[in-house]
Amino acid sequence: MLMEINKSIVSFLLRAFIPVQDAPPQAARVPQPQTDMSGYSINKAQIDAAGQDYAADEEDYYTEPGEQVKRTPVQVGPKIGRNDPCPCGSGKKYKNCHGKDLQ
């Protein structure tokens, strides 16, 4: 029975005709690549004179010119165990007080 249904569905789909409306012709416009390179060498002499000072480094993103950033390590507090008393002072175990939402 399933084979007969599949056969009739496939037969219908193969004979079905879906009308397709042709899109109106549009002018095919292909962008031309830019070949004028004269604008790229305006500050070449300045870049060559600056040398390695012109190159980007990791400090450029975080600091203003002349400003130094003091990097400090991340401080992590003591880890609270599941069976330790809750730091809120309720007297319950951490897993039954504030830690129950973390399970």
Protein backbone atom coordinates (compact mmCIF):
# COMPACT_ATOMS: atom_id res chain seq x y z
CA MET A 1 0.00 0.00 0.00
CA LEU A 2 2.81 2.43 0.85
CA MET A 3 4.54 1.62 -2.44
CA GLU A 4 1.35 2.45 -4.32
CA ILE A 5 0.98 5.79 -2.52
CA ASN A 6 4.64 6.69 -3.14
CA LYS A 7 4.27 5.72 -6.81
CA SER A 8 1.18 7.90 -7.26
CA ILE A 9 2.81 10.88 -5.50
CA VAL A 10 5.96 10.64 -7.61
CA SER A 11 3.89 10.23 -10.75
CA PHE A 12 1.85 13.34 -9.92
CA LEU A 13 4.96 15.40 -9.13
CA LEU A 14 6.64 14.41 -12.38
CA ARG A 15 3.58 15.38 -14.44
CA ALA A 16 2.87 18.61 -12.57
CA PHE A 17 3.66 21.81 -14.42
CA ILE A 18 4.49 24.94 -12.46
CA PRO A 19 4.29 28.06 -14.61
CA VAL A 20 7.35 30.29 -14.27
CA GLN A 21 7.10 33.98 -15.00
CA ASP A 22 10.17 35.29 -16.78
CA ALA A 23 11.81 38.21 -15.04
CA PRO A 24 12.14 41.36 -17.13
CA PRO A 25 15.61 41.63 -18.65
CA GLN A 26 17.93 43.88 -16.71
CA ALA A 27 21.15 45.37 -17.90
CA ALA A 28 23.98 43.30 -16.54
CA ARG A 29 26.26 45.76 -14.82
CA VAL A 30 29.62 44.39 -13.78
CA PRO A 31 31.69 46.71 -11.57
CA GLN A 32 35.08 47.49 -13.05
CA PRO A 33 38.08 47.01 -10.77
CA GLN A 34 39.92 50.13 -9.73
CA THR A 35 43.19 50.40 -11.59
CA ASP A 36 44.22 53.89 -10.52
CA MET A 37 46.89 53.34 -7.86
CA SER A 38 48.12 56.92 -7.67
CA GLY A 39 46.24 57.61 -4.42
CA TYR A 40 47.99 54.80 -2.58
CA SER A 41 51.48 56.26 -2.61
CA ILE A 42 50.72 59.67 -1.13
CA ASN A 43 52.34 59.02 2.24
CA LYS A 44 54.84 56.35 1.18
CA ALA A 45 57.78 58.64 2.00
CA GLN A 46 56.41 59.27 5.50
CA ILE A 47 55.90 55.57 6.13
CA ASP A 48 59.38 54.70 4.91
CA ALA A 49 60.90 57.44 7.11
CA ALA A 50 59.01 56.23 10.21
CA GLY A 51 60.25 52.67 9.70
CA GLN A 52 59.25 50.27 12.47
CA ASP A 53 57.68 53.04 14.58
CA TYR A 54 54.83 53.20 12.06
CA ALA A 55 53.95 49.52 12.56
CA ALA A 56 51.08 48.56 14.84
CA ASP A 57 51.78 46.79 18.09
CA GLU A 58 49.69 45.48 20.98
CA GLU A 59 49.97 48.71 22.96
CA ASP A 60 48.29 50.86 20.27
CA TYR A 61 44.83 49.54 21.05
CA TYR A 62 44.89 50.09 24.81
CA THR A 63 46.84 53.28 25.36
CA GLU A 64 46.90 56.87 24.31
CA PRO A 65 50.25 58.25 23.12
CA GLY A 66 52.54 58.81 26.09
CA GLU A 67 50.30 56.91 28.53
CA GLN A 68 51.60 53.79 30.26
CA VAL A 69 49.31 50.97 31.36
CA LYS A 70 50.13 49.07 34.52
CA ARG A 71 49.05 45.48 34.09
CA THR A 72 48.00 43.60 37.18
CA PRO A 73 47.08 39.94 37.49
CA VAL A 74 43.47 38.96 38.09
CA GLN A 75 42.73 38.42 41.78
CA VAL A 76 40.61 35.37 42.56
CA GLY A 77 38.96 34.89 45.93
CA PRO A 78 39.05 31.63 47.86
CA LYS A 79 36.94 28.86 46.35
CA ILE A 80 33.96 27.81 48.45
CA GLY A 81 33.43 24.06 48.66
CA ARG A 82 29.98 22.50 48.43
CA ASN A 83 30.02 21.26 52.01
CA ASP A 84 31.58 24.39 53.54
CA PRO A 85 29.38 26.73 55.59
CA CYS A 86 27.69 29.38 53.46
CA PRO A 87 29.49 32.77 53.66
CA CYS A 88 26.16 34.58 54.15
CA GLY A 89 26.14 33.43 57.79
CA SER A 90 22.97 31.33 57.70
CA GLY A 91 24.74 28.29 59.17
CA LYS A 92 23.63 26.06 56.28
CA LYS A 93 25.98 24.27 53.95
CA TYR A 94 26.76 26.22 50.80
CA LYS A 95 25.10 23.58 48.60
CA ASN A 96 21.80 24.02 50.46
CA CYS A 97 21.89 27.82 50.68
CA HIS A 98 23.35 30.02 47.92
CA GLY A 99 24.91 27.12 46.00
CA LYS A 100 21.64 25.34 45.25
CA ASP A 101 21.04 27.53 42.18
CA LEU A 102 24.37 26.47 40.69
CA GLN A 103 23.56 22.76 40.50
